[in-house]
Amino acid sequence: WKWHDIYNGLLEAGELVSLEQSERRTIRLVNPGVPGTTGATNTVHTSVQLVKPGEIAKAHRHTLTALRFVVQGGGAFTTVEGERFTMYPGDLILTPQWTWHDHYNGTGENIIWVDGHDGPLLKALEVMAVEPFSKKQQPVEAMPDFSLHQFGWARPPEKLSEFPDPPFRYPWETTYNSLEALASSPGDECDGVLL
């Protein structure tokens, strides 16, 4: 897939399709080498999503486990289970299965991210379910990025979340600085440095 084609298609979709019409505006990356699939592989869906300034991608939850890797824009947020996760380029945001989530772009620029989820696998297993939230956005019930303060990079031994893998934001700046610091160590002879 060529970024130029994806990006231009996404901007064109932004002019033609509102979030009121579609709820999500994405370019789906489909692998033509895997017959019968509507995903990047038989088990993984990948798409690129655009939320324009002032738009809200409506709250819902589903049995899919999702991730978002921010490519462009900054300052918009996704809310997962009442916690706002601010989105900046390079950030990775995890959305566990069956968690309420919505996206809001209150900035003056487009926000674009890569979406990944296990939808094709869940469809094959026939365990796909989606439920809309009663309102466009869920209420914010925790301080922004609370999980980062609660869990940090190392999780305490006691269970602090109702989810086995709670919603979380890995900020790129922190991730990059950690990798740079770890790069001074010899690392594993096969895997190098992992974080």
N, C-alpha and C. Protein backbone atom coordinates (compact mmCIF):
# COMPACT_ATOMS: atom_id res chain seq x y z
N TRP A 1 0.85 -1.18 0.00
CA TRP A 1 0.00 0.00 0.00
C TRP A 1 0.89 1.24 0.00
N LYS A 2 0.57 2.18 -0.83
CA LYS A 2 1.35 3.42 -0.94
C LYS A 2 0.69 4.51 -0.11
N TRP A 3 1.47 5.16 0.77
CA TRP A 3 0.93 6.21 1.64
C TRP A 3 0.27 7.32 0.83
N HIS A 4 0.88 7.71 -0.28
CA HIS A 4 0.33 8.77 -1.12
C HIS A 4 -1.11 8.44 -1.53
N ASP A 5 -1.35 7.22 -1.96
CA ASP A 5 -2.69 6.80 -2.39
C ASP A 5 -3.66 6.76 -1.21
N ILE A 6 -3.21 6.21 -0.09
CA ILE A 6 -4.06 6.11 1.10
C ILE A 6 -4.44 7.51 1.59
N TYR A 7 -3.44 8.36 1.72
CA TYR A 7 -3.64 9.71 2.25
C TYR A 7 -4.59 10.52 1.37
N ASN A 8 -4.35 10.50 0.07
CA ASN A 8 -5.21 11.25 -0.86
C ASN A 8 -6.63 10.71 -0.86
N GLY A 9 -6.77 9.38 -0.81
CA GLY A 9 -8.10 8.77 -0.74
C GLY A 9 -8.82 9.14 0.54
N LEU A 10 -8.08 9.21 1.63
CA LEU A 10 -8.68 9.57 2.92
C LEU A 10 -9.14 11.02 2.91
N LEU A 11 -8.33 11.92 2.37
CA LEU A 11 -8.73 13.33 2.28
C LEU A 11 -9.95 13.50 1.38
N GLU A 12 -9.99 12.74 0.29
CA GLU A 12 -11.15 12.79 -0.60
C GLU A 12 -12.39 12.26 0.11
N ALA A 13 -12.23 11.18 0.85
CA ALA A 13 -13.35 10.64 1.64
C ALA A 13 -13.82 11.67 2.66
N GLY A 14 -12.88 12.45 3.21
CA GLY A 14 -13.23 13.50 4.17
C GLY A 14 -14.12 14.57 3.57
N GLU A 15 -14.00 14.78 2.27
CA GLU A 15 -14.86 15.76 1.59
C GLU A 15 -16.21 15.16 1.20
N LEU A 16 -16.25 13.85 0.99
CA LEU A 16 -17.46 13.21 0.46
C LEU A 16 -18.34 12.55 1.52
N VAL A 17 -17.73 12.10 2.62
CA VAL A 17 -18.46 11.29 3.61
C VAL A 17 -18.35 11.94 4.98
N SER A 18 -19.50 12.23 5.59
CA SER A 18 -19.49 12.78 6.95
C SER A 18 -19.54 11.63 7.95
N LEU A 19 -19.18 11.91 9.19
CA LEU A 19 -19.26 10.88 10.22
C LEU A 19 -20.71 10.59 10.60
N GLU A 20 -21.62 11.48 10.26
CA GLU A 20 -23.05 11.20 10.48
C GLU A 20 -23.51 10.09 9.52
N GLN A 21 -22.91 10.03 8.35
CA GLN A 21 -23.26 9.02 7.36
C GLN A 21 -22.59 7.67 7.63
N SER A 22 -21.40 7.70 8.16
CA SER A 22 -20.61 6.47 8.24
C SER A 22 -20.17 6.06 9.63
N GLU A 23 -20.25 6.92 10.61
CA GLU A 23 -19.75 6.74 11.98
C GLU A 23 -18.23 6.67 12.06
N ARG A 24 -17.57 6.02 11.12
CA ARG A 24 -16.11 6.00 11.02
C ARG A 24 -15.75 6.25 9.57
N ARG A 25 -14.65 6.98 9.36
CA ARG A 25 -14.18 7.27 7.99
C ARG A 25 -12.80 6.65 7.87
N THR A 26 -12.71 5.57 7.12
CA THR A 26 -11.44 4.85 7.02
C THR A 26 -11.18 4.41 5.59
N ILE A 27 -9.91 4.16 5.33
CA ILE A 27 -9.48 3.46 4.13
C ILE A 27 -9.00 2.10 4.62
N ARG A 28 -9.68 1.05 4.20
CA ARG A 28 -9.35 -0.31 4.65
C ARG A 28 -8.23 -0.87 3.78
N LEU A 29 -7.24 -1.46 4.42
CA LEU A 29 -6.12 -2.07 3.70
C LEU A 29 -6.40 -3.56 3.55
N VAL A 30 -6.71 -3.97 2.32
CA VAL A 30 -7.09 -5.35 2.03
C VAL A 30 -5.96 -6.01 1.25
N ASN A 31 -5.63 -7.22 1.62
CA ASN A 31 -4.56 -7.96 0.98
C ASN A 31 -5.12 -8.78 -0.19
N PRO A 32 -4.82 -8.39 -1.42
CA PRO A 32 -5.35 -9.14 -2.56
C PRO A 32 -4.74 -10.54 -2.69
N GLY A 33 -3.67 -10.80 -1.98
CA GLY A 33 -3.03 -12.11 -2.03
C GLY A 33 -3.67 -13.13 -1.11
N VAL A 34 -4.66 -12.73 -0.33
CA VAL A 34 -5.36 -13.65 0.57
C VAL A 34 -6.81 -13.73 0.12
N PRO A 35 -7.13 -14.73 -0.72
CA PRO A 35 -8.49 -14.83 -1.27
C PRO A 35 -9.57 -14.88 -0.19
N GLY A 36 -10.65 -14.16 -0.45
CA GLY A 36 -11.81 -14.22 0.44
C GLY A 36 -11.69 -13.37 1.69
N THR A 37 -10.58 -12.68 1.89
CA THR A 37 -10.44 -11.87 3.10
C THR A 37 -10.84 -10.42 2.83
N THR A 38 -11.30 -9.76 3.88
CA THR A 38 -11.57 -8.32 3.79
C THR A 38 -10.63 -7.56 4.71
N GLY A 39 -9.56 -8.23 5.12
CA GLY A 39 -8.58 -7.61 6.01
C GLY A 39 -7.19 -7.66 5.43
N ALA A 40 -6.23 -7.23 6.24
CA ALA A 40 -4.83 -7.27 5.82
C ALA A 40 -4.34 -8.72 5.80
N THR A 41 -4.90 -9.54 6.71
CA THR A 41 -4.63 -10.98 6.75
C THR A 41 -5.95 -11.68 7.06
N ASN A 42 -5.91 -12.99 7.21
CA ASN A 42 -7.12 -13.73 7.56
C ASN A 42 -7.62 -13.40 8.97
N THR A 43 -6.75 -12.85 9.81
CA THR A 43 -7.13 -12.62 11.21
C THR A 43 -7.04 -11.17 11.66
N VAL A 44 -6.42 -10.29 10.86
CA VAL A 44 -6.18 -8.91 11.28
C VAL A 44 -6.75 -7.91 10.28
N HIS A 45 -7.45 -6.92 10.78
CA HIS A 45 -7.95 -5.80 9.99
C HIS A 45 -7.03 -4.61 10.22
N THR A 46 -6.69 -3.91 9.13
CA THR A 46 -5.91 -2.69 9.24
C THR A 46 -6.56 -1.63 8.36
N SER A 47 -6.70 -0.44 8.89
CA SER A 47 -7.24 0.67 8.11
C SER A 47 -6.59 1.96 8.61
N VAL A 48 -6.80 3.02 7.85
CA VAL A 48 -6.31 4.34 8.25
C VAL A 48 -7.55 5.21 8.42
N GLN A 49 -7.65 5.90 9.56
CA GLN A 49 -8.86 6.65 9.91
C GLN A 49 -8.58 8.15 9.98
N LEU A 50 -9.58 8.92 9.57
CA LEU A 50 -9.50 10.38 9.60
C LEU A 50 -10.67 10.92 10.42
N VAL A 51 -10.36 11.81 11.37
CA VAL A 51 -11.37 12.58 12.08
C VAL A 51 -11.00 14.04 11.88
N LYS A 52 -11.89 14.77 11.25
CA LYS A 52 -11.64 16.18 10.92
C LYS A 52 -11.91 17.08 12.12
N PRO A 53 -11.42 18.33 12.09
CA PRO A 53 -11.66 19.26 13.20
C PRO A 53 -13.15 19.38 13.53
N GLY A 54 -13.45 19.30 14.82
CA GLY A 54 -14.82 19.43 15.31
C GLY A 54 -15.66 18.17 15.24
N GLU A 55 -15.13 17.10 14.67
CA GLU A 55 -15.91 15.87 14.51
C GLU A 55 -15.82 14.95 15.72
N ILE A 56 -16.90 14.19 15.89
CA ILE A 56 -16.96 13.16 16.92
C ILE A 56 -17.26 11.83 16.22
N ALA A 57 -16.40 10.85 16.43
CA ALA A 57 -16.70 9.49 15.99
C ALA A 57 -17.44 8.84 17.16
N LYS A 58 -18.69 8.49 16.94
CA LYS A 58 -19.62 8.10 18.01
C LYS A 58 -19.12 6.94 18.87
N ALA A 59 -19.54 6.98 20.13
CA ALA A 59 -19.15 5.97 21.11
C ALA A 59 -19.85 4.64 20.83
N HIS A 60 -19.09 3.58 20.96
CA HIS A 60 -19.63 2.23 20.89
C HIS A 60 -18.63 1.29 21.56
N ARG A 61 -19.00 0.04 21.63
CA ARG A 61 -18.06 -0.99 22.10
C ARG A 61 -18.29 -2.23 21.26
N HIS A 62 -17.28 -3.11 21.26
CA HIS A 62 -17.38 -4.33 20.46
C HIS A 62 -16.45 -5.39 21.03
N THR A 63 -16.62 -6.60 20.53
CA THR A 63 -15.80 -7.71 21.00
C THR A 63 -14.39 -7.67 20.41
N LEU A 64 -14.14 -6.78 19.46
CA LEU A 64 -12.82 -6.64 18.88
C LEU A 64 -11.86 -5.98 19.87
N THR A 65 -10.62 -6.38 19.84
CA THR A 65 -9.55 -5.69 20.55
C THR A 65 -8.86 -4.81 19.52
N ALA A 66 -8.68 -3.53 19.83
CA ALA A 66 -8.17 -2.60 18.83
C ALA A 66 -6.94 -1.85 19.31
N LEU A 67 -6.20 -1.33 18.32
CA LEU A 67 -5.09 -0.43 18.62
C LEU A 67 -5.14 0.72 17.63
N ARG A 68 -4.60 1.85 18.05
CA ARG A 68 -4.51 3.02 17.20
C ARG A 68 -3.07 3.55 17.27
N PHE A 69 -2.48 3.75 16.09
CA PHE A 69 -1.13 4.29 16.00
C PHE A 69 -1.25 5.63 15.27
N VAL A 70 -1.02 6.72 15.99
CA VAL A 70 -1.26 8.06 15.47
C VAL A 70 -0.17 8.44 14.45
N VAL A 71 -0.63 8.91 13.28
CA VAL A 71 0.26 9.25 12.19
C VAL A 71 0.39 10.76 12.01
N GLN A 72 -0.73 11.48 12.13
CA GLN A 72 -0.70 12.92 11.84
C GLN A 72 -1.68 13.65 12.74
N GLY A 73 -1.34 14.89 13.10
CA GLY A 73 -2.21 15.71 13.94
C GLY A 73 -1.86 15.49 15.40
N GLY A 74 -2.37 16.34 16.24
CA GLY A 74 -2.09 16.19 17.66
C GLY A 74 -3.05 17.00 18.49
N GLY A 75 -3.39 16.47 19.65
CA GLY A 75 -4.27 17.17 20.57
C GLY A 75 -5.70 16.66 20.58
N ALA A 76 -6.09 15.89 19.57
CA ALA A 76 -7.40 15.24 19.60
C ALA A 76 -7.31 14.12 20.64
N PHE A 77 -8.43 13.49 20.93
CA PHE A 77 -8.36 12.38 21.89
C PHE A 77 -9.35 11.29 21.58
N THR A 78 -9.02 10.13 22.10
CA THR A 78 -9.95 9.01 22.12
C THR A 78 -10.28 8.78 23.59
N THR A 79 -11.53 8.51 23.87
CA THR A 79 -11.95 8.22 25.24
C THR A 79 -12.29 6.74 25.32
N VAL A 80 -11.67 6.04 26.27
CA VAL A 80 -11.91 4.61 26.45
C VAL A 80 -12.33 4.41 27.90
N GLU A 81 -13.54 3.86 28.08
CA GLU A 81 -14.07 3.59 29.42
C GLU A 81 -13.96 4.81 30.34
N GLY A 82 -14.30 5.98 29.81
CA GLY A 82 -14.34 7.19 30.61
C GLY A 82 -13.01 7.88 30.82
N GLU A 83 -11.96 7.38 30.19
CA GLU A 83 -10.63 8.00 30.30
C GLU A 83 -10.20 8.57 28.96
N ARG A 84 -9.82 9.85 28.95
CA ARG A 84 -9.34 10.49 27.73
C ARG A 84 -7.87 10.19 27.51
N PHE A 85 -7.57 9.78 26.29
CA PHE A 85 -6.19 9.55 25.88
C PHE A 85 -5.88 10.55 24.77
N THR A 86 -5.02 11.51 25.07
CA THR A 86 -4.64 12.52 24.10
C THR A 86 -3.78 11.86 23.02
N MET A 87 -4.00 12.27 21.77
CA MET A 87 -3.34 11.62 20.65
C MET A 87 -2.31 12.54 20.00
N TYR A 88 -1.06 12.05 19.90
CA TYR A 88 0.01 12.76 19.21
C TYR A 88 0.73 11.79 18.28
N PRO A 89 1.37 12.30 17.22
CA PRO A 89 2.04 11.41 16.27
C PRO A 89 3.01 10.45 16.97
N GLY A 90 2.93 9.20 16.57
CA GLY A 90 3.78 8.16 17.13
C GLY A 90 3.20 7.46 18.33
N ASP A 91 2.13 8.00 18.94
CA ASP A 91 1.52 7.36 20.11
C ASP A 91 0.81 6.07 19.70
N LEU A 92 0.83 5.10 20.59
CA LEU A 92 0.10 3.86 20.43
C LEU A 92 -0.94 3.80 21.54
N ILE A 93 -2.22 3.61 21.16
CA ILE A 93 -3.31 3.57 22.13
C ILE A 93 -4.01 2.23 22.01
N LEU A 94 -4.14 1.53 23.12
CA LEU A 94 -4.78 0.22 23.14
C LEU A 94 -6.21 0.32 23.65
N THR A 95 -7.12 -0.34 22.94
CA THR A 95 -8.54 -0.36 23.30
C THR A 95 -8.94 -1.82 23.46
N PRO A 96 -9.05 -2.31 24.70
CA PRO A 96 -9.42 -3.71 24.92
C PRO A 96 -10.84 -4.01 24.43
N GLN A 97 -11.10 -5.27 24.26
CA GLN A 97 -12.43 -5.69 23.81
C GLN A 97 -13.50 -5.27 24.81
N TRP A 98 -14.66 -4.98 24.28
CA TRP A 98 -15.87 -4.65 25.04
C TRP A 98 -15.68 -3.44 25.95
N THR A 99 -14.90 -2.45 25.47
CA THR A 99 -14.75 -1.20 26.20
C THR A 99 -15.39 -0.09 25.37
N TRP A 100 -16.12 0.80 26.05
CA TRP A 100 -16.71 1.95 25.38
C TRP A 100 -15.60 2.85 24.88
N HIS A 101 -15.72 3.34 23.64
CA HIS A 101 -14.72 4.25 23.11
C HIS A 101 -15.34 5.16 22.06
N ASP A 102 -14.84 6.38 22.02
CA ASP A 102 -15.22 7.37 21.02
C ASP A 102 -14.01 8.24 20.75
N HIS A 103 -14.09 9.03 19.68
CA HIS A 103 -12.97 9.89 19.29
C HIS A 103 -13.51 11.29 19.06
N TYR A 104 -12.76 12.29 19.51
CA TYR A 104 -13.16 13.68 19.31
C TYR A 104 -11.96 14.51 18.90
N ASN A 105 -12.14 15.29 17.84
CA ASN A 105 -11.08 16.17 17.39
C ASN A 105 -11.50 17.61 17.62
N GLY A 106 -11.06 18.19 18.72
CA GLY A 106 -11.36 19.58 19.05
C GLY A 106 -10.27 20.53 18.58
N THR A 107 -9.34 20.04 17.76
CA THR A 107 -8.24 20.87 17.28
C THR A 107 -8.62 21.49 15.94
N GLY A 108 -7.71 22.25 15.37
CA GLY A 108 -7.94 22.89 14.08
C GLY A 108 -7.34 22.13 12.91
N GLU A 109 -6.84 20.91 13.16
CA GLU A 109 -6.23 20.13 12.09
C GLU A 109 -6.76 18.70 12.10
N ASN A 110 -6.64 18.02 10.96
CA ASN A 110 -7.05 16.63 10.86
C ASN A 110 -6.22 15.77 11.81
N ILE A 111 -6.84 14.71 12.33
CA ILE A 111 -6.10 13.69 13.07
C ILE A 111 -6.25 12.39 12.26
N ILE A 112 -5.13 11.72 12.03
CA ILE A 112 -5.12 10.49 11.24
C ILE A 112 -4.34 9.44 12.01
N TRP A 113 -4.89 8.23 12.05
CA TRP A 113 -4.18 7.14 12.70
C TRP A 113 -4.42 5.83 11.96
N VAL A 114 -3.54 4.87 12.22
CA VAL A 114 -3.70 3.51 11.71
C VAL A 114 -4.48 2.74 12.76
N ASP A 115 -5.56 2.11 12.31
CA ASP A 115 -6.38 1.24 13.17
C ASP A 115 -5.99 -0.21 12.90
N GLY A 116 -5.92 -0.98 13.94
CA GLY A 116 -5.74 -2.42 13.80
C GLY A 116 -6.69 -3.11 14.76
N HIS A 117 -7.28 -4.21 14.33
CA HIS A 117 -8.11 -5.02 15.24
C HIS A 117 -8.21 -6.45 14.74
N ASP A 118 -8.74 -7.30 15.59
CA ASP A 118 -8.83 -8.73 15.30
C ASP A 118 -10.20 -9.12 14.75
N GLY A 119 -10.87 -8.19 14.05
CA GLY A 119 -12.20 -8.44 13.51
C GLY A 119 -12.31 -9.66 12.62
N PRO A 120 -11.40 -9.87 11.64
CA PRO A 120 -11.52 -11.06 10.80
C PRO A 120 -11.47 -12.36 11.61
N LEU A 121 -10.63 -12.41 12.63
CA LEU A 121 -10.57 -13.60 13.48
C LEU A 121 -11.89 -13.81 14.22
N LEU A 122 -12.42 -12.73 14.83
CA LEU A 122 -13.67 -12.86 15.58
C LEU A 122 -14.85 -13.20 14.67
N LYS A 123 -14.81 -12.68 13.44
CA LYS A 123 -15.86 -13.03 12.48
C LYS A 123 -15.80 -14.51 12.14
N ALA A 124 -14.59 -15.03 11.93
CA ALA A 124 -14.43 -16.46 11.62
C ALA A 124 -14.88 -17.33 12.79
N LEU A 125 -14.65 -16.85 14.01
CA LEU A 125 -15.07 -17.59 15.20
C LEU A 125 -16.54 -17.36 15.55
N GLU A 126 -17.18 -16.46 14.80
CA GLU A 126 -18.59 -16.10 15.00
C GLU A 126 -18.86 -15.57 16.40
N VAL A 127 -17.98 -14.67 16.86
CA VAL A 127 -18.16 -14.03 18.17
C VAL A 127 -18.12 -12.51 18.05
N MET A 128 -18.50 -11.99 16.90
CA MET A 128 -18.49 -10.55 16.66
C MET A 128 -19.76 -9.94 17.22
N ALA A 129 -19.60 -8.87 18.01
CA ALA A 129 -20.75 -8.13 18.53
C ALA A 129 -20.35 -6.66 18.66
N VAL A 130 -21.31 -5.77 18.36
CA VAL A 130 -21.11 -4.33 18.46
C VAL A 130 -22.33 -3.75 19.15
N GLU A 131 -22.11 -2.79 20.08
CA GLU A 131 -23.21 -2.12 20.78
C GLU A 131 -22.97 -0.62 20.76
N PRO A 132 -23.94 0.16 20.26
CA PRO A 132 -23.79 1.62 20.30
C PRO A 132 -24.02 2.16 21.71
N PHE A 133 -23.34 3.24 22.04
CA PHE A 133 -23.54 3.93 23.32
C PHE A 133 -24.82 4.76 23.21
N SER A 134 -25.45 5.07 24.33
CA SER A 134 -26.72 5.80 24.31
C SER A 134 -26.58 7.26 23.87
N LYS A 135 -25.36 7.80 23.92
CA LYS A 135 -25.10 9.18 23.49
C LYS A 135 -23.93 9.18 22.52
N LYS A 136 -23.69 10.33 21.90
CA LYS A 136 -22.61 10.44 20.93
C LYS A 136 -21.24 10.22 21.59
N GLN A 137 -21.09 10.77 22.81
CA GLN A 137 -19.85 10.61 23.56
C GLN A 137 -20.17 10.06 24.93
N GLN A 138 -19.23 9.31 25.49
CA GLN A 138 -19.38 8.82 26.85
C GLN A 138 -18.87 9.88 27.82
N PRO A 139 -19.32 9.86 29.06
CA PRO A 139 -18.80 10.85 30.01
C PRO A 139 -17.34 10.56 30.37
N VAL A 140 -16.59 11.62 30.59
CA VAL A 140 -15.20 11.48 31.02
C VAL A 140 -15.22 11.36 32.54
N GLU A 141 -14.67 10.27 33.05
CA GLU A 141 -14.76 9.97 34.48
C GLU A 141 -13.40 9.93 35.18
N ALA A 142 -12.32 10.09 34.43
CA ALA A 142 -10.97 10.07 35.02
C ALA A 142 -10.17 11.21 34.41
N MET A 143 -9.12 11.62 35.11
CA MET A 143 -8.24 12.65 34.55
C MET A 143 -7.61 12.12 33.26
N PRO A 144 -7.31 13.01 32.30
CA PRO A 144 -6.71 12.56 31.04
C PRO A 144 -5.44 11.74 31.28
N ASP A 145 -5.30 10.66 30.52
CA ASP A 145 -4.13 9.79 30.59
C ASP A 145 -3.87 9.25 32.00
N PHE A 146 -4.93 9.01 32.77
CA PHE A 146 -4.79 8.53 34.13
C PHE A 146 -4.02 7.21 34.19
N SER A 147 -4.25 6.33 33.21
CA SER A 147 -3.58 5.02 33.20
C SER A 147 -2.07 5.16 33.19
N LEU A 148 -1.57 6.20 32.50
CA LEU A 148 -0.13 6.40 32.45
C LEU A 148 0.42 6.66 33.85
N HIS A 149 -0.34 7.40 34.66
CA HIS A 149 0.08 7.67 36.03
C HIS A 149 -0.15 6.46 36.93
N GLN A 150 -1.23 5.73 36.66
CA GLN A 150 -1.59 4.58 37.50
C GLN A 150 -0.64 3.41 37.27
N PHE A 151 -0.34 3.13 36.00
CA PHE A 151 0.46 1.96 35.67
C PHE A 151 1.89 2.29 35.30
N GLY A 152 2.11 3.47 34.69
CA GLY A 152 3.45 3.80 34.22
C GLY A 152 3.93 2.74 33.25
N TRP A 153 5.22 2.50 33.23
CA TRP A 153 5.75 1.48 32.32
C TRP A 153 5.75 0.11 32.98
N ALA A 154 5.71 0.08 34.30
CA ALA A 154 5.68 -1.20 35.01
C ALA A 154 4.39 -1.27 35.80
N ARG A 155 3.68 -2.36 35.67
CA ARG A 155 2.41 -2.49 36.38
C ARG A 155 2.64 -3.07 37.76
N PRO A 156 1.98 -2.49 38.77
CA PRO A 156 2.10 -3.06 40.11
C PRO A 156 1.46 -4.44 40.17
N PRO A 157 1.87 -5.26 41.15
CA PRO A 157 1.36 -6.64 41.19
C PRO A 157 -0.13 -6.75 41.48
N GLU A 158 -0.68 -5.81 42.25
CA GLU A 158 -2.11 -5.91 42.56
C GLU A 158 -2.94 -5.52 41.34
N LYS A 159 -4.11 -6.08 41.27
CA LYS A 159 -4.99 -5.80 40.14
C LYS A 159 -5.65 -4.44 40.35
N LEU A 160 -5.36 -3.49 39.45
CA LEU A 160 -5.90 -2.14 39.56
C LEU A 160 -6.92 -1.82 38.49
N SER A 161 -7.24 -2.80 37.65
CA SER A 161 -8.18 -2.56 36.57
C SER A 161 -9.11 -3.75 36.44
N GLU A 162 -10.33 -3.48 35.99
CA GLU A 162 -11.27 -4.57 35.76
C GLU A 162 -10.94 -5.34 34.49
N PHE A 163 -10.03 -4.81 33.66
CA PHE A 163 -9.66 -5.45 32.41
C PHE A 163 -8.32 -6.16 32.56
N PRO A 164 -8.20 -7.39 32.01
CA PRO A 164 -6.91 -8.08 32.09
C PRO A 164 -5.79 -7.23 31.49
N ASP A 165 -6.08 -6.56 30.38
CA ASP A 165 -5.16 -5.62 29.75
C ASP A 165 -5.92 -4.31 29.63
N PRO A 166 -5.71 -3.38 30.54
CA PRO A 166 -6.50 -2.14 30.54
C PRO A 166 -6.18 -1.23 29.36
N PRO A 167 -7.10 -0.29 29.06
CA PRO A 167 -6.80 0.71 28.05
C PRO A 167 -5.50 1.42 28.42
N PHE A 168 -4.70 1.77 27.42
CA PHE A 168 -3.42 2.39 27.74
C PHE A 168 -2.92 3.19 26.56
N ARG A 169 -2.16 4.24 26.85
CA ARG A 169 -1.51 5.06 25.82
C ARG A 169 -0.01 4.99 26.05
N TYR A 170 0.69 4.58 25.01
CA TYR A 170 2.15 4.60 25.02
C TYR A 170 2.59 5.84 24.25
N PRO A 171 2.96 6.92 24.96
CA PRO A 171 3.38 8.15 24.25
C PRO A 171 4.69 7.92 23.50
N TRP A 172 4.74 8.38 22.25
CA TRP A 172 5.93 8.17 21.44
C TRP A 172 7.17 8.78 22.07
N GLU A 173 7.06 9.98 22.61
CA GLU A 173 8.24 10.64 23.17
C GLU A 173 8.88 9.79 24.28
N THR A 174 8.05 9.27 25.17
CA THR A 174 8.56 8.42 26.26
C THR A 174 9.12 7.12 25.70
N THR A 175 8.42 6.54 24.75
CA THR A 175 8.87 5.28 24.14
C THR A 175 10.22 5.48 23.47
N TYR A 176 10.34 6.53 22.67
CA TYR A 176 11.58 6.79 21.94
C TYR A 176 12.74 7.05 22.91
N ASN A 177 12.52 7.86 23.94
CA ASN A 177 13.57 8.13 24.92
C ASN A 177 14.01 6.86 25.63
N SER A 178 13.05 5.98 25.94
CA SER A 178 13.39 4.71 26.58
C SER A 178 14.22 3.83 25.65
N LEU A 179 13.83 3.76 24.38
CA LEU A 179 14.60 2.97 23.41
C LEU A 179 16.00 3.53 23.24
N GLU A 180 16.13 4.85 23.19
CA GLU A 180 17.45 5.48 23.07
C GLU A 180 18.32 5.12 24.27
N ALA A 181 17.75 5.16 25.46
CA ALA A 181 18.51 4.82 26.67
C ALA A 181 18.91 3.34 26.65
N LEU A 182 17.99 2.48 26.23
CA LEU A 182 18.28 1.04 26.19
C LEU A 182 19.30 0.70 25.10
N ALA A 183 19.41 1.54 24.09
CA ALA A 183 20.34 1.28 22.98
C ALA A 183 21.79 1.26 23.44
N SER A 184 22.08 1.86 24.58
CA SER A 184 23.45 1.86 25.09
C SER A 184 23.83 0.50 25.68
N SER A 185 22.82 -0.37 25.91
CA SER A 185 23.11 -1.71 26.41
C SER A 185 23.34 -2.64 25.21
N PRO A 186 24.04 -3.77 25.42
CA PRO A 186 24.30 -4.63 24.28
C PRO A 186 23.04 -5.28 23.69
N GLY A 187 22.02 -5.44 24.50
CA GLY A 187 20.79 -6.06 24.00
C GLY A 187 20.98 -7.55 23.70
N ASP A 188 19.96 -8.14 23.16
CA ASP A 188 20.00 -9.57 22.81
C ASP A 188 20.70 -9.73 21.47
N GLU A 189 21.48 -10.79 21.31
CA GLU A 189 22.23 -10.98 20.06
C GLU A 189 21.32 -11.19 18.85
N CYS A 190 20.10 -11.67 19.08
CA CYS A 190 19.17 -11.87 17.95
C CYS A 190 18.13 -10.77 17.84
N ASP A 191 17.61 -10.30 18.97
CA ASP A 191 16.49 -9.36 18.96
C ASP A 191 16.90 -7.91 19.20
N GLY A 192 18.13 -7.65 19.54
CA GLY A 192 18.54 -6.28 19.82
C GLY A 192 17.90 -5.80 21.11
N VAL A 193 17.29 -4.60 21.06
CA VAL A 193 16.67 -4.00 22.24
C VAL A 193 15.16 -3.99 22.05
N LEU A 194 14.45 -4.53 23.00
CA LEU A 194 12.99 -4.58 22.95
C LEU A 194 12.39 -3.79 24.10
N LEU A 195 11.25 -3.14 23.86
CA LEU A 195 10.55 -2.42 24.92
C LEU A 195 9.09 -2.78 24.80
